[in-house]
Amino acid sequence: MFKCFLGSALILAAALPVKAEIGPGLGPNNIASSTDDVAYVCTNDDNGRLTLRSGSGTSFRKIKEIPNGNIVNILSGQYGRDRYYWWNVRHERSLGWVRADYVCNDPQ
């Protein structure tokens, strides 16, 4: 039975479309997380910061900046009007939205 399941999983994985990497993170594949997953901020610069916003897009208010390497808890995700995928995250005591392509080790 395990061999059958494994073979089916490999066939399914081969049929899924491949997405190109946008930023240093892996970005989205249209699946929003239903659990509280842990990931971390990964910018192009070791001293970089990722903006946490009040909504899923650059037009939303800036809440704070999260330093590169900091842990975030992923709550859900969606595409913004800017056509980028955004994660709704918790960082320390703040809730907000960050661009998915600057988050590494996400559930995608």
Protein backbone atom coordinates (compact mmCIF):
# COMPACT_ATOMS: atom_id res chain seq x y z
CA MET A 1 0.00 0.00 0.00
CA PHE A 2 2.84 2.40 0.82
CA LYS A 3 4.39 1.84 -2.62
CA CYS A 4 1.05 2.65 -4.26
CA PHE A 5 0.68 5.85 -2.24
CA LEU A 6 4.27 6.91 -2.91
CA GLY A 7 3.90 6.26 -6.64
CA SER A 8 0.67 8.28 -6.75
CA ALA A 9 2.33 11.14 -4.87
CA LEU A 10 5.24 11.21 -7.33
CA ILE A 11 2.89 11.28 -10.32
CA LEU A 12 0.87 14.09 -8.73
CA ALA A 13 4.02 16.09 -7.93
CA ALA A 14 5.24 15.76 -11.52
CA ALA A 15 1.92 17.13 -12.80
CA LEU A 16 1.94 20.29 -10.66
CA PRO A 17 3.07 23.54 -12.31
CA VAL A 18 6.41 25.01 -11.27
CA LYS A 19 6.57 28.66 -10.16
CA ALA A 20 9.65 30.81 -10.70
CA GLU A 21 11.29 32.30 -7.65
CA ILE A 22 10.49 36.01 -7.34
CA GLY A 23 12.61 37.16 -4.41
CA PRO A 24 14.87 35.39 -1.95
CA GLY A 25 11.87 33.50 -0.52
CA LEU A 26 9.91 30.84 -2.32
CA GLY A 27 6.72 32.80 -2.93
CA PRO A 28 3.20 31.41 -3.39
CA ASN A 29 1.46 28.57 -5.13
CA ASN A 30 -2.13 29.72 -4.46
CA ILE A 31 -2.52 27.72 -1.25
CA ALA A 32 -3.27 29.72 1.88
CA SER A 33 -2.11 28.21 5.13
CA SER A 34 -4.82 27.07 7.51
CA THR A 35 -2.44 26.58 10.43
CA ASP A 36 -0.04 28.80 12.32
CA ASP A 37 3.17 28.00 10.38
CA VAL A 38 6.59 29.35 11.34
CA ALA A 39 8.83 31.02 8.75
CA TYR A 40 11.48 33.74 8.74
CA VAL A 41 12.20 37.01 6.96
CA CYS A 42 14.82 36.67 4.21
CA THR A 43 15.65 39.88 2.38
CA ASN A 44 18.35 40.39 -0.25
CA ASP A 45 20.49 42.22 2.34
CA ASP A 46 21.73 40.72 5.64
CA ASN A 47 20.84 44.01 7.36
CA GLY A 48 17.58 44.38 5.40
CA ARG A 49 14.09 44.82 6.79
CA LEU A 50 10.69 43.68 5.58
CA THR A 51 7.75 46.06 5.94
CA LEU A 52 4.74 44.79 7.89
CA ARG A 53 1.59 46.46 6.51
CA SER A 54 -2.03 46.77 7.57
CA GLY A 55 -3.23 45.06 4.36
CA SER A 56 -2.07 42.96 1.43
CA GLY A 57 -0.41 45.60 -0.76
CA THR A 58 2.06 48.49 -0.76
CA SER A 59 -0.76 51.04 -0.58
CA PHE A 60 -1.62 49.91 2.97
CA ARG A 61 -0.28 51.64 6.08
CA LYS A 62 3.18 50.60 7.30
CA ILE A 63 2.99 49.11 10.80
CA LYS A 64 6.69 48.40 11.36
CA GLU A 65 9.79 46.87 9.79
CA ILE A 66 10.89 43.32 10.60
CA PRO A 67 14.66 42.69 10.53
CA ASN A 68 16.10 40.03 8.23
CA GLY A 69 16.20 36.60 9.89
CA ASN A 70 13.36 37.28 12.36
CA ILE A 71 10.72 34.60 12.85
CA VAL A 72 7.11 35.24 11.75
CA ASN A 73 4.02 33.10 12.30
CA ILE A 74 2.00 32.69 9.11
CA LEU A 75 -1.76 32.88 9.62
CA SER A 76 -3.11 33.01 6.04
CA GLY A 77 -2.28 34.35 2.59
CA GLN A 78 -3.77 36.00 -0.48
CA TYR A 79 -2.92 37.92 -3.63
CA GLY A 80 -2.96 41.70 -3.35
CA ARG A 81 -4.11 44.20 -5.98
CA ASP A 82 -0.43 44.58 -6.90
CA ARG A 83 -0.48 40.92 -8.08
CA TYR A 84 2.03 39.82 -5.44
CA TYR A 85 1.21 37.13 -2.92
CA TRP A 86 1.08 38.36 0.68
CA TRP A 87 1.19 36.49 3.99
CA ASN A 88 -0.87 37.59 6.97
CA VAL A 89 1.62 37.15 9.82
CA ARG A 90 2.22 37.67 13.51
CA HIS A 91 5.59 39.11 14.52
CA GLU A 92 6.01 39.42 18.27
CA ARG A 93 2.79 41.25 19.28
CA SER A 94 2.06 42.80 15.86
CA LEU A 95 -0.29 41.45 13.19
CA GLY A 96 -0.08 42.48 9.55
CA TRP A 97 0.84 41.56 5.98
CA VAL A 98 4.23 40.93 4.33
CA ARG A 99 5.16 40.04 0.75
CA ALA A 100 5.53 36.28 0.44
CA ASP A 101 8.63 36.40 -1.73
CA TYR A 102 10.63 37.79 1.22
CA VAL A 103 9.61 34.97 3.57
CA CYS A 104 11.64 31.75 3.65
CA ASN A 105 10.70 28.33 5.00
CA ASP A 106 7.02 29.16 4.43
CA PRO A 107 4.44 26.38 3.95
CA GLN A 108 4.51 26.86 0.19
